[in-house]
Amino acid sequence: MPIFIKTEKFKKETLKLSNSERKKFLLMHKQWVEDISKSGHYIHSGYLINEEKRPGGGGLLIFEARDYLTAKKMIGNDPMIKNELVIWDLQEWVSIDGSQPKL
């Protein structure tokens, strides 16, 4: 099954939210990922840090989906996207040797 990568960064308005407000949405996102994983789909989510281990580089979601349209529908349910907190991009990953990882 194809692998997709969603990258995201907080919108300026999201950065103005209090830490507790942002944390509420991040916990909702985490639960969304856990629910997908429990249903048997390959999905991993995390955030990017710099060389000083400080966050701020955005988020990264790696997951499998049947096709691009299905992947786009899946991430449309991500609380970070549903609540318009992030600027995001979705790409399909294609291995240069044609192989797929063993998931």
Protein backbone atom coordinates (compact mmCIF):
# COMPACT_ATOMS: atom_id res chain seq x y z
CA MET A 1 0.00 0.00 0.00
CA PRO A 2 1.36 3.50 -0.81
CA ILE A 3 3.02 5.57 1.92
CA PHE A 4 2.06 9.21 2.42
CA ILE A 5 3.74 12.01 4.32
CA LYS A 6 1.90 14.99 5.73
CA THR A 7 3.99 17.91 6.91
CA GLU A 8 2.55 20.79 8.88
CA LYS A 9 3.38 24.00 10.70
CA PHE A 10 1.28 25.92 13.18
CA LYS A 11 -0.49 28.96 11.79
CA LYS A 12 0.42 32.31 13.37
CA GLU A 13 -2.98 32.35 15.07
CA THR A 14 -2.31 28.93 16.59
CA LEU A 15 0.96 30.15 18.07
CA LYS A 16 -1.02 32.86 19.88
CA LEU A 17 -3.06 30.24 21.75
CA SER A 18 -2.04 29.43 25.30
CA ASN A 19 0.01 26.29 25.87
CA SER A 20 -2.99 24.62 27.52
CA GLU A 21 -5.22 25.43 24.52
CA ARG A 22 -2.66 24.02 22.07
CA LYS A 23 -2.15 20.97 24.29
CA LYS A 24 -5.89 20.22 24.13
CA PHE A 25 -5.71 19.98 20.34
CA LEU A 26 -2.45 18.03 20.40
CA LEU A 27 -4.05 15.45 22.71
CA MET A 28 -6.99 15.18 20.31
CA HIS A 29 -4.51 14.64 17.45
CA LYS A 30 -2.69 11.96 19.44
CA GLN A 31 -5.97 10.13 20.12
CA TRP A 32 -6.87 10.33 16.42
CA VAL A 33 -3.52 8.73 15.50
CA GLU A 34 -3.96 6.03 18.17
CA ASP A 35 -7.45 5.21 16.88
CA ILE A 36 -6.15 4.78 13.33
CA SER A 37 -3.27 2.64 14.55
CA LYS A 38 -5.62 0.42 16.59
CA SER A 39 -7.72 -0.15 13.47
CA GLY A 40 -4.68 -1.85 11.90
CA HIS A 41 -3.34 0.95 9.70
CA TYR A 42 0.31 1.96 9.64
CA ILE A 43 0.59 5.52 10.98
CA HIS A 44 3.23 7.45 12.91
CA SER A 45 3.13 11.06 14.05
CA GLY A 46 5.75 13.31 15.57
CA TYR A 47 7.24 16.76 15.64
CA LEU A 48 10.52 18.15 14.39
CA ILE A 49 13.24 19.67 16.58
CA ASN A 50 16.40 21.59 15.82
CA GLU A 51 19.97 20.69 16.77
CA GLU A 52 19.38 22.18 20.23
CA LYS A 53 16.40 19.82 20.66
CA ARG A 54 13.90 22.70 20.55
CA PRO A 55 10.57 22.13 18.80
CA GLY A 56 9.26 24.52 16.19
CA GLY A 57 10.10 22.74 12.97
CA GLY A 58 6.55 21.51 12.51
CA GLY A 59 4.96 18.11 12.49
CA LEU A 60 5.36 15.00 10.38
CA LEU A 61 2.83 12.24 9.82
CA ILE A 62 3.77 9.05 7.96
CA PHE A 63 0.95 6.66 7.06
CA GLU A 64 -0.37 4.23 4.50
CA ALA A 65 -3.47 4.70 2.39
CA ARG A 66 -4.95 3.10 -0.71
CA ASP A 67 -4.43 6.22 -2.84
CA TYR A 68 -4.00 10.01 -2.66
CA LEU A 69 -7.72 10.72 -2.40
CA THR A 70 -8.08 8.27 0.51
CA ALA A 71 -5.02 9.79 2.22
CA LYS A 72 -6.45 13.29 1.84
CA LYS A 73 -9.79 12.17 3.29
CA MET A 74 -8.01 10.54 6.23
CA ILE A 75 -6.05 13.62 7.19
CA GLY A 76 -9.15 15.73 6.77
CA ASN A 77 -10.24 14.13 10.06
CA ASP A 78 -7.05 15.14 11.87
CA PRO A 79 -8.11 17.58 14.62
CA MET A 80 -5.19 19.85 13.70
CA ILE A 81 -6.61 20.21 10.18
CA LYS A 82 -10.31 20.12 11.12
CA ASN A 83 -9.73 23.03 13.49
CA GLU A 84 -7.60 24.91 10.93
CA LEU A 85 -4.60 25.13 13.27
CA VAL A 86 -1.92 24.22 10.73
CA ILE A 87 -0.68 24.88 7.25
CA TRP A 88 -0.16 21.43 5.76
CA ASP A 89 1.10 19.58 2.71
CA LEU A 90 0.47 15.99 1.63
CA GLN A 91 2.80 13.97 -0.57
CA GLU A 92 3.05 10.33 -1.58
CA TRP A 93 6.45 8.80 -0.88
CA VAL A 94 8.01 6.76 -3.69
CA SER A 95 11.08 4.65 -3.00
CA ILE A 96 13.92 5.18 -5.46
CA ASP A 97 14.46 1.43 -5.75
CA GLY A 98 10.76 0.66 -6.12
CA SER A 99 10.53 -1.25 -2.86
CA GLN A 100 8.07 -0.54 -0.08
CA PRO A 101 8.99 -0.79 3.59
CA LYS A 102 7.76 -3.87 5.40
CA LEU A 103 5.03 -2.42 7.60
